Protein backbone atom coordinates (compact mmCIF):
# COMPACT_ATOMS: atom_id res chain seq x y z
CA MET A 1 44.43 46.99 20.97
CA SER A 2 43.22 43.98 23.35
CA LYS A 3 39.49 44.03 24.14
CA ARG A 4 40.24 43.21 27.63
CA HIS A 5 41.92 46.74 28.47
CA ALA A 6 38.38 48.31 28.42
CA LEU A 7 39.53 51.37 26.42
CA ARG A 8 36.74 51.58 24.11
CA LEU A 9 33.77 53.20 25.55
CA GLY A 10 30.29 53.68 23.98
CA ILE A 11 27.86 56.34 24.96
CA VAL A 12 24.22 55.78 24.14
CA GLY A 13 22.85 59.03 22.63
CA GLY A 14 19.20 59.70 21.66
CA LEU A 15 17.98 59.36 25.22
CA GLY A 16 18.58 63.04 25.50
CA ALA A 17 20.62 64.72 22.55
CA LEU A 18 21.88 67.53 24.71
CA ALA A 19 22.80 65.28 27.75
CA GLY A 20 24.73 62.71 25.61
CA ALA A 21 26.58 65.25 23.61
CA ASP A 22 27.35 66.83 27.26
CA LEU A 23 28.63 63.78 28.49
CA LEU A 24 30.92 63.11 25.35
CA ASN A 25 32.56 66.48 26.07
CA ARG A 26 32.92 65.79 29.64
CA ILE A 27 34.65 62.32 29.36
CA VAL A 28 37.02 63.84 26.78
CA GLN A 29 37.76 66.80 29.43
CA GLU A 30 37.99 64.40 32.44
CA THR A 31 40.50 62.05 30.90
CA PRO A 32 44.00 62.50 32.33
CA VAL A 33 46.42 62.77 29.34
CA LYS A 34 49.76 63.69 28.25
CA SER A 35 49.30 63.26 24.61
CA GLU A 36 46.33 62.68 22.24
CA GLY A 37 46.97 59.02 22.46
CA ASP A 38 46.06 58.94 25.81
CA HIS A 39 42.37 59.55 25.20
CA ARG A 40 39.88 56.75 25.45
CA GLU A 41 38.50 55.38 22.10
CA LEU A 42 34.98 56.47 22.20
CA VAL A 43 31.94 55.23 20.10
CA PHE A 44 28.94 57.86 20.16
CA GLU A 45 25.67 56.61 18.58
CA GLN A 46 22.85 58.93 18.44
CA LYS A 47 19.66 58.10 16.59
CA PRO A 48 16.16 59.69 17.01
CA MET A 49 14.05 57.79 19.46
CA ARG A 50 10.27 58.31 19.18
CA GLU A 51 8.14 57.14 22.08
CA PRO A 52 4.15 57.13 21.94
CA VAL A 53 4.18 58.78 25.39
CA SER A 54 6.83 61.15 26.75
CA PRO A 55 8.53 60.46 30.18
CA MET A 56 7.10 63.80 31.41
CA HIS A 57 3.74 61.83 31.75
CA PRO A 58 2.60 59.81 34.76
CA GLU A 59 1.46 57.00 32.53
CA TYR A 60 4.89 56.57 30.60
CA ASN A 61 5.90 53.00 29.85
CA ALA A 62 9.64 52.39 29.12
CA THR A 63 9.27 49.46 26.78
CA HIS A 64 10.29 51.36 23.63
CA ARG A 65 13.39 52.97 25.45
CA LYS A 66 14.39 49.47 26.81
CA LEU A 67 14.46 47.92 23.25
CA TYR A 68 16.23 50.97 21.63
CA VAL A 69 18.91 50.53 24.30
CA PHE A 70 19.26 47.22 24.06
CA ASP A 71 19.57 47.55 20.14
CA THR A 72 22.18 50.22 20.51
CA LEU A 73 24.22 48.43 23.02
CA SER A 74 24.37 45.35 21.04
CA ARG A 75 25.84 47.18 18.27
CA MET A 76 28.31 48.76 20.44
CA GLU A 77 29.38 45.47 21.67
CA GLN A 78 29.71 44.00 18.26
CA ASP A 79 31.91 46.99 17.51
CA GLY A 80 34.33 46.06 20.24
CA CYS A 81 33.18 48.44 22.98
CA ASN A 82 34.08 47.18 26.45
CA ALA A 83 31.84 49.38 28.54
CA ALA A 84 28.99 51.70 27.76
CA LEU A 85 27.53 54.99 29.40
CA LEU A 86 23.93 55.51 29.46
CA PRO A 87 23.14 59.46 30.15
CA CYS A 88 19.51 58.66 31.02
CA PHE A 89 17.98 58.00 34.63
CA VAL A 90 14.99 56.15 33.09
CA THR A 91 17.36 53.63 31.61
CA HIS A 92 19.26 53.09 34.83
CA CYS A 93 15.80 51.85 36.29
CA PHE A 94 16.21 48.72 34.23
CA LEU A 95 19.98 48.74 33.92
CA LYS A 96 19.91 44.99 35.53
CA GLU A 97 17.60 43.81 32.76
CA LEU A 98 20.12 44.93 30.13
CA GLU A 99 23.17 43.73 32.03
CA ASP A 100 21.97 40.11 32.01
CA GLU A 101 21.74 39.79 28.30
CA LEU A 102 24.82 41.77 27.24
CA GLY A 103 28.67 41.05 27.44
CA LEU A 104 29.87 44.69 27.87
CA LYS A 105 30.03 46.64 31.07
CA LEU A 106 27.09 49.14 31.80
CA VAL A 107 28.52 52.10 33.86
CA SER A 108 26.17 52.90 36.70
CA MET A 109 25.29 56.50 37.19
CA THR A 110 23.63 55.75 40.50
CA GLU A 111 26.94 54.32 41.69
CA ALA A 112 28.85 57.49 40.56
CA ILE A 113 26.16 59.62 42.42
CA LYS A 114 26.49 57.52 45.70
CA ASP A 115 30.18 57.62 45.70
CA ALA A 116 30.17 61.42 45.15
CA VAL A 117 27.59 62.15 47.87
CA ALA A 118 29.65 60.19 50.51
CA LEU A 119 32.67 62.15 49.47
CA LEU A 120 30.74 65.41 50.44
CA GLY A 121 31.30 64.24 54.40
CA PRO A 122 28.70 62.92 56.72
CA LEU A 123 25.61 61.83 54.86
CA PRO A 124 22.97 64.48 54.82
CA THR A 125 19.76 63.51 56.33
CA LYS A 126 17.54 64.77 53.42
CA ILE A 127 18.58 64.76 49.88
CA GLY A 128 16.39 66.60 47.21
CA ALA A 129 15.86 64.94 43.69
CA LEU A 130 14.26 66.33 40.47
CA THR A 131 13.28 63.62 38.24
CA THR A 132 10.52 62.00 36.17
CA PRO A 133 7.37 60.56 37.58
CA TYR A 134 8.58 57.16 36.21
CA VAL A 135 11.95 57.43 37.75
CA ARG A 136 10.43 58.52 41.10
CA LYS A 137 7.94 55.66 41.12
CA SER A 138 10.49 53.25 40.40
CA GLY A 139 12.31 54.08 43.49
CA LEU A 140 15.77 54.52 41.97
CA PHE A 141 16.83 57.23 44.48
CA GLN A 142 14.96 56.50 47.57
CA THR A 143 17.09 53.67 48.86
CA LEU A 144 20.36 54.63 47.16
CA PHE A 145 21.89 56.48 50.16
CA GLY A 146 20.96 54.33 53.11
CA ASP A 147 18.45 53.91 55.71
CA ASN A 148 19.61 57.10 57.57
CA THR A 149 19.13 59.42 54.56
CA SER A 150 15.73 60.28 53.06
CA VAL A 151 15.03 61.55 49.72
CA VAL A 152 12.34 64.09 49.03
CA PHE A 153 10.71 65.16 45.96
CA PRO A 154 8.91 68.55 44.96
CA SER A 155 5.05 68.75 45.00
CA GLU A 156 3.14 66.87 42.33
CA THR A 157 2.34 70.65 40.79
CA ALA A 158 6.15 71.72 41.07
CA GLU A 159 7.22 68.28 39.52
CA ALA A 160 4.57 68.95 36.63
CA ALA A 161 5.87 72.23 35.99
CA VAL A 162 9.52 71.16 35.75
CA MET A 163 8.54 68.36 33.43
CA ASN A 164 6.94 70.81 31.16
CA ALA A 165 10.03 73.13 31.57
CA ILE A 166 12.23 70.31 30.09
CA TYR A 167 9.98 68.34 27.80
CA GLY A 168 7.39 70.64 26.94
CA GLU A 169 6.89 72.12 23.51
CA LYS A 170 8.91 75.23 24.52
CA GLY A 171 10.86 73.32 26.99
CA PHE A 172 14.87 72.74 27.53
CA LYS A 173 14.93 69.90 24.87
CA SER A 174 13.73 71.96 22.19
CA GLY A 175 16.58 74.55 22.71
CA ASN A 176 15.01 77.16 25.03
CA ARG A 177 16.72 78.36 28.18
CA GLY A 178 14.57 81.24 29.01
CA HIS A 179 12.69 82.20 32.15
CA ASN A 180 9.87 79.66 31.14
CA VAL A 181 12.52 77.08 31.70
CA LEU A 182 14.25 78.41 34.66
CA THR A 183 11.58 79.76 36.58
CA PRO A 184 9.79 76.34 37.29
CA ILE A 185 13.20 74.60 38.16
CA ASN A 186 14.03 77.19 40.69
CA GLN A 187 10.54 76.98 42.25
CA ALA A 188 11.04 73.27 42.59
CA LEU A 189 14.65 73.73 44.03
CA LYS A 190 13.15 76.02 46.79
CA ASP A 191 10.47 73.38 47.44
CA LEU A 192 13.20 70.88 48.18
CA SER A 193 15.20 73.39 50.31
CA GLY A 194 12.02 74.29 52.15
CA GLN A 195 11.66 70.34 53.08
CA GLY A 196 15.02 70.44 54.52
CA ALA A 197 17.07 68.89 51.80
CA THR A 198 20.81 70.06 51.93
CA VAL A 199 22.03 68.10 48.91
CA PHE A 200 20.43 68.53 45.24
CA VAL A 201 20.79 65.50 43.08
CA PRO A 202 19.50 66.21 39.80
CA GLY A 203 17.53 63.14 38.28
CA LEU A 204 17.29 64.57 34.80
CA THR A 205 20.48 64.56 32.66
CA GLU A 206 19.59 67.92 31.19
CA LEU A 207 19.69 69.79 34.33
CA PRO A 208 23.57 70.03 34.91
CA LEU A 209 23.84 71.99 31.66
CA LEU A 210 21.64 74.70 33.42
CA PHE A 211 23.82 74.71 36.64
CA GLY A 212 25.24 78.13 35.70
CA GLN A 213 21.87 79.92 35.26
CA LEU A 214 19.78 78.20 38.24
CA ASP A 215 19.27 79.96 41.56
CA ILE A 216 20.31 77.13 43.57
CA PRO A 217 19.64 77.91 47.46
CA SER A 218 22.67 78.62 49.36
CA ALA A 219 22.07 75.84 52.08
CA MET A 220 21.92 73.21 49.43
CA ILE A 221 24.71 71.49 47.60
CA ALA A 222 24.20 70.73 44.10
CA VAL A 223 25.76 67.43 42.68
CA ASP A 224 26.76 67.89 39.11
CA THR A 225 25.89 64.38 37.77
CA ALA A 226 27.22 64.57 34.46
CA ALA A 227 30.68 65.45 35.77
CA VAL A 228 31.04 62.69 38.38
CA TYR A 229 29.29 60.13 35.88
CA ALA A 230 32.22 60.90 33.59
CA ARG A 231 34.97 60.53 36.33
CA HIS A 232 33.25 57.37 37.67
CA ALA A 233 33.33 55.93 34.21
CA LEU A 234 37.09 56.77 33.70
CA LYS A 235 38.10 55.12 36.98
CA VAL A 236 35.70 51.91 36.76
CA THR A 237 36.20 50.81 33.14
CA GLU A 238 39.54 49.40 33.61
CA ALA A 239 38.45 46.57 36.00
CA ASN A 240 37.36 43.34 34.74
CA ARG A 241 33.73 42.85 34.91
CA LYS A 242 32.27 39.31 35.85
CA ARG A 243 29.54 38.41 33.83
CA ARG A 244 27.39 35.36 33.14
CA PHE A 245 28.90 32.30 32.03
CA LYS A 246 27.67 31.12 28.64
CA VAL A 247 27.97 27.49 27.06
CA GLY A 248 27.85 27.58 23.26
CA VAL A 249 26.45 24.25 21.79
CA VAL A 250 27.17 23.32 18.16
CA GLY A 251 23.81 21.69 17.30
CA GLY A 252 22.39 19.71 14.46
CA VAL A 253 25.04 16.87 14.53
CA GLY A 254 22.46 15.35 14.92
CA PRO A 255 19.46 17.16 16.11
CA ALA A 256 18.13 14.66 18.44
CA ALA A 257 21.58 14.19 19.97
CA THR A 258 21.52 17.98 20.65
CA VAL A 259 18.13 18.01 22.37
CA ASP A 260 19.48 15.07 24.44
CA PHE A 261 22.68 17.07 25.35
CA MET A 262 20.66 20.04 26.24
CA ALA A 263 18.42 18.01 28.55
CA LYS A 264 21.36 16.42 30.23
CA LEU A 265 22.79 19.95 30.69
CA VAL A 266 19.81 20.89 32.69
CA ASP A 267 19.58 17.80 34.58
CA ALA A 268 23.16 18.07 35.50
CA THR A 269 22.96 21.85 36.83
CA ASP A 270 22.15 21.99 40.54
CA ALA A 271 19.27 24.53 40.61
CA ASP A 272 16.44 25.75 42.75
CA ARG A 273 14.78 28.19 40.24
CA ASP A 274 15.29 28.95 36.54
CA GLN A 275 17.61 31.72 37.22
CA ASP A 276 20.19 29.05 38.62
CA HIS A 277 20.72 27.54 35.35
CA ILE A 278 23.51 28.12 32.81
CA LYS A 279 23.11 30.54 30.05
CA ILE A 280 23.14 28.26 26.87
CA LEU A 281 23.48 29.56 23.13
CA VAL A 282 22.79 26.94 20.79
CA GLU A 283 23.33 27.27 16.69
CA GLN A 284 21.33 24.21 15.49
CA ASN A 285 22.84 23.59 11.97
CA PRO A 286 21.56 20.24 10.81
CA GLN A 287 23.19 21.19 7.15
CA ILE A 288 26.76 20.45 8.45
CA PRO A 289 27.94 17.69 6.02
CA ASP A 290 27.92 14.16 7.43
CA ARG A 291 31.22 13.48 9.35
CA THR A 292 31.43 9.77 8.82
CA GLU A 293 30.63 10.14 4.91
CA ASN A 294 33.69 12.47 4.57
CA LEU A 295 36.07 10.52 7.01
CA VAL A 296 35.38 7.02 5.32
CA GLY A 297 34.07 7.96 2.07
CA SER A 298 33.85 10.86 -0.34
CA GLY A 299 31.42 13.09 1.41
CA THR A 300 31.72 16.78 1.67
CA ASP A 301 34.54 18.20 4.12
CA PRO A 302 32.60 19.56 7.20
CA THR A 303 35.35 21.63 8.32
CA VAL A 304 34.26 24.98 7.19
CA ALA A 305 30.54 24.40 8.42
CA LEU A 306 31.82 23.30 11.78
CA TYR A 307 34.12 26.43 12.05
CA SER A 308 31.40 28.68 10.81
CA THR A 309 28.95 27.51 13.63
CA CYS A 310 31.69 27.66 16.15
CA LYS A 311 32.54 31.16 15.05
CA LYS A 312 28.94 32.28 15.31
CA LEU A 313 28.83 30.94 18.96
CA GLU A 314 32.09 32.65 19.82
CA CYS A 315 30.64 35.96 18.32
CA GLY A 316 27.51 35.25 20.42
CA GLY A 317 29.59 35.53 23.66
CA ALA A 318 30.14 31.79 24.42
CA ASP A 319 32.76 31.03 27.09
CA ILE A 320 33.15 27.48 26.07
CA LEU A 321 32.03 25.31 23.20
CA ALA A 322 30.61 21.88 23.22
CA ILE A 323 29.89 19.61 20.32
CA PRO A 324 27.64 16.80 21.08
CA CYS A 325 28.98 14.66 18.16
CA ASN A 326 31.81 12.08 18.81
CA THR A 327 32.69 12.02 15.17
CA ALA A 328 32.97 15.78 14.75
CA HIS A 329 35.85 15.61 17.15
CA ALA A 330 38.16 14.56 14.22
CA TYR A 331 37.96 17.90 13.22
CA VAL A 332 38.47 19.75 16.42
CA ASP A 333 42.30 20.11 16.23
CA ARG A 334 42.13 21.93 12.88
CA ILE A 335 39.65 24.39 13.91
CA GLN A 336 40.45 25.16 17.63
CA ARG A 337 43.45 27.00 16.63
CA HIS A 338 41.66 29.42 14.70
CA LEU A 339 39.00 30.06 17.72
CA GLU A 340 39.47 32.30 20.88
CA VAL A 341 37.28 29.94 23.10
CA PRO A 342 38.02 26.26 23.86
CA ILE A 343 36.10 23.36 22.73
CA VAL A 344 35.48 21.02 25.53
CA SER A 345 36.60 17.68 24.21
CA ILE A 346 34.09 14.90 24.55
CA LEU A 347 37.09 12.32 24.38
CA SER A 348 39.10 13.55 27.16
CA ALA A 349 35.88 14.32 29.26
CA THR A 350 34.81 10.43 28.63
CA THR A 351 38.36 8.90 29.46
CA ASP A 352 38.73 11.17 32.60
CA HIS A 353 35.36 10.00 33.79
CA ILE A 354 36.25 6.29 33.39
CA ARG A 355 39.58 6.70 35.35
CA SER A 356 37.98 8.90 38.06
CA PHE A 357 34.86 6.85 38.67
CA SER A 358 35.95 3.48 37.58
CA PRO A 359 39.45 3.18 38.38
CA SER A 360 39.38 -0.80 38.58
CA ILE A 361 38.62 -0.87 34.80
CA SER A 362 41.13 -1.66 32.44
CA LYS A 363 39.62 -2.59 29.35
CA VAL A 364 37.01 -0.46 27.37
CA GLY A 365 34.87 -1.02 24.28
CA ILE A 366 33.87 1.30 21.71
CA LEU A 367 30.59 1.49 19.82
CA ALA A 368 30.73 4.21 17.39
CA THR A 369 30.25 5.31 13.55
CA ASN A 370 32.57 4.06 11.22
CA GLY A 371 34.33 7.54 11.08
CA THR A 372 35.10 7.56 14.66
CA ILE A 373 36.39 4.14 14.65
CA HIS A 374 38.62 4.81 11.52
CA SER A 375 39.77 7.98 12.90
CA ASP A 376 41.15 6.26 16.13
CA LEU A 377 39.74 9.22 18.20
CA TYR A 378 38.63 6.94 21.43
CA GLN A 379 41.53 4.54 20.69
CA GLN A 380 43.98 7.18 21.10
CA ALA A 381 42.08 8.82 24.05
CA LEU A 382 42.03 5.62 25.85
CA GLU A 383 45.50 4.61 25.09
CA GLU A 384 46.65 8.11 26.63
CA ALA A 385 44.64 7.52 29.66
CA GLY A 386 46.40 4.21 30.12
CA LEU A 387 43.39 1.88 29.19
CA ALA A 388 43.08 -0.94 26.68
CA TYR A 389 40.31 -1.13 23.95
CA VAL A 390 38.16 -3.35 22.08
CA ILE A 391 36.23 -2.58 18.87
CA PRO A 392 33.57 -4.66 17.12
CA ASP A 393 34.54 -6.89 14.33
CA GLU A 394 33.24 -6.06 10.74
CA ALA A 395 29.92 -7.74 11.11
CA HIS A 396 29.10 -6.20 14.52
CA GLN A 397 30.41 -2.93 13.18
CA ALA A 398 27.86 -3.04 10.43
CA LEU A 399 25.04 -3.60 13.05
CA VAL A 400 26.23 -0.51 14.74
CA MET A 401 25.95 1.49 11.66
CA GLU A 402 22.61 0.16 10.65
CA SER A 403 21.06 1.04 14.10
CA ILE A 404 22.27 4.72 13.42
CA TYR A 405 21.91 5.27 9.85
CA GLY A 406 19.32 2.68 8.84
CA ALA A 407 15.94 2.77 7.77
CA SER A 408 14.74 1.78 11.14
CA GLY A 409 17.87 3.51 12.83
CA VAL A 410 18.09 6.28 15.40
CA LYS A 411 18.86 8.85 12.90
CA ALA A 412 15.35 8.15 11.42
CA GLY A 413 13.84 8.75 14.43
CA PHE A 414 13.70 5.22 16.27
CA THR A 415 14.81 4.26 19.61
CA GLU A 416 13.09 0.85 20.03
CA GLY A 417 12.69 -2.28 17.81
CA LEU A 418 15.35 -3.34 15.51
CA CYS A 419 17.91 -0.51 16.22
CA LYS A 420 17.89 -1.53 20.03
CA GLU A 421 18.27 -5.13 18.95
CA GLN A 422 21.36 -4.28 16.79
CA ILE A 423 23.00 -2.47 19.46
CA ASN A 424 22.55 -5.15 22.09
CA GLN A 425 24.05 -7.74 19.97
CA ALA A 426 27.08 -5.46 19.27
CA PHE A 427 27.20 -4.58 23.08
CA GLY A 428 27.26 -8.17 24.04
CA HIS A 429 29.87 -8.97 21.49
CA LEU A 430 32.11 -6.35 23.24
CA VAL A 431 31.39 -7.82 26.55
CA ASP A 432 32.43 -11.28 25.05
CA LYS A 433 35.77 -9.73 24.09
CA GLY A 434 36.48 -8.72 27.62
CA ALA A 435 35.16 -5.13 27.76
CA GLU A 436 34.32 -3.98 31.48
CA ALA A 437 32.99 -0.61 30.23
CA ILE A 438 31.60 0.36 26.95
CA VAL A 439 31.61 3.84 25.46
CA LEU A 440 28.63 4.76 23.67
CA GLY A 441 30.66 6.54 21.08
CA CYS A 442 27.94 8.12 18.95
CA THR A 443 25.88 10.71 20.69
CA GLU A 444 22.66 9.06 19.30
CA LEU A 445 23.31 5.80 21.11
CA PRO A 446 22.45 6.98 24.34
CA LEU A 447 19.01 7.58 22.76
CA ILE A 448 18.81 3.79 22.33
CA VAL A 449 20.73 2.44 25.67
CA THR A 450 18.46 4.67 28.03
CA SER A 451 18.06 2.28 30.81
CA PRO A 452 20.93 -0.16 30.98
CA SER A 453 20.29 -3.10 33.24
CA SER A 454 22.65 -4.63 35.78
CA ASP A 455 23.04 -7.85 33.83
CA MET A 456 24.68 -6.20 30.67
CA GLY A 457 27.89 -7.44 31.60
CA ALA A 458 29.69 -4.09 31.24
CA VAL A 459 29.19 -0.63 32.24
CA PRO A 460 27.91 1.70 29.49
CA VAL A 461 29.35 5.11 29.44
CA ASP A 462 27.41 8.03 27.96
CA PRO A 463 29.66 10.73 26.57
CA THR A 464 26.86 12.98 26.09
CA ASP A 465 26.00 12.95 29.83
CA VAL A 466 29.82 13.17 30.74
CA LEU A 467 30.18 16.10 28.51
CA ALA A 468 27.23 17.77 29.91
CA ARG A 469 28.32 17.55 33.47
CA LYS A 470 31.95 18.65 32.32
CA CYS A 471 30.48 21.91 31.07
CA VAL A 472 28.35 22.40 34.04
CA HIS A 473 31.51 22.05 36.27
CA LEU A 474 33.45 24.59 34.05
CA ALA A 475 30.47 26.84 33.94
CA LYS A 476 30.33 26.80 37.86
CA ASN A 477 33.99 27.38 38.47
CA LEU A 478 35.29 29.39 35.72
CA GLY A 479 32.08 31.46 35.98
CA LYS A 480 33.42 32.69 39.29
């Protein structure tokens, strides 16, 4: 079954054991079926949740509930759930906080209630609600039905009595359905009716279970929130949900280049505030075997380590993958076919950039590691783009490698001194060979060539910056 069909639903139990089980039953009952195979695949998880303060108390804090729900939803997402239902009005007060951090759709109970009330006909001028002090103070209901409808609540005394009837030692959550539970709720309903409410919305998920026993005033229509939530969930879970685009970064190849790439991602993003920036997931794995040592020597094959890192990012919800390492792209073809998300090629991004922004350039120099040079990565990419290329001779290629891997090289933490002198010599050598632009084809090299001067004789091209801008472009357009 494809995950995109949104047929697997999760139900977060433990927020109210009775309400969770009731919703599970209603989902099954409300599903239109011709055979058993038409039912939705359901994942129901219920674990005891213990909070220091009960929601019945005015000083209740929802932090423990937030983390419990987040952990449960994370497990459901890993288990292949496409959407989840939360039979808890407290949780819907912070639904947006959860949505921003998760990839599965969270079905809104308030949207279900709003739609159900709209179907009753002309919106009532007053709607009565019974809920916890936390939900009332959050304003979850007050603006739900528009400016022309006000929401009224029972008096503080009546509200406290209802809280005790639900959460108290002998309350409904403890299994009691006697007069000590029903009487306070009935009195609160009369209070709401007396305030002019013509529609009653239960803001406690346990209340619909008591509808058959309550004395609901004849002048007031009661909304069965459990039933409308179940129907709404079945209706909306087939629709694809827009979520925040996420860029996955294979880090550690090398560590400084990863930090440089991250900074360039931020710089390339048009943002007025923190929230305008792109979601980024980084797996910093410096233990990935050296790519050049494998390509030109007897070093360990990094394919499995690169693939493992990519898979972790894929499982973490990345929409695209970026590898800020030119040499690592020698392994992209062999691992891409086993991934469900695309790796953005630093090679094609760089050649596309040269053709687009410097169309008059016909010959491009390549400064890169021995592994990248010997693998013909940029040579092939440039040829496919219709560009000629030049590479350093043996002596100048040795200078490039020394500037990267040497004791005073960039991988050892140096960006000035000998390593800069060596790169400048190699750069000038390629200019003498006719290069009009020079690709800094190792992601550490832009850390050395940080402020190119106009008299260098050729345009330095920073693939790290180009890759960052390509990722920002994709996030902006594909994220829509």
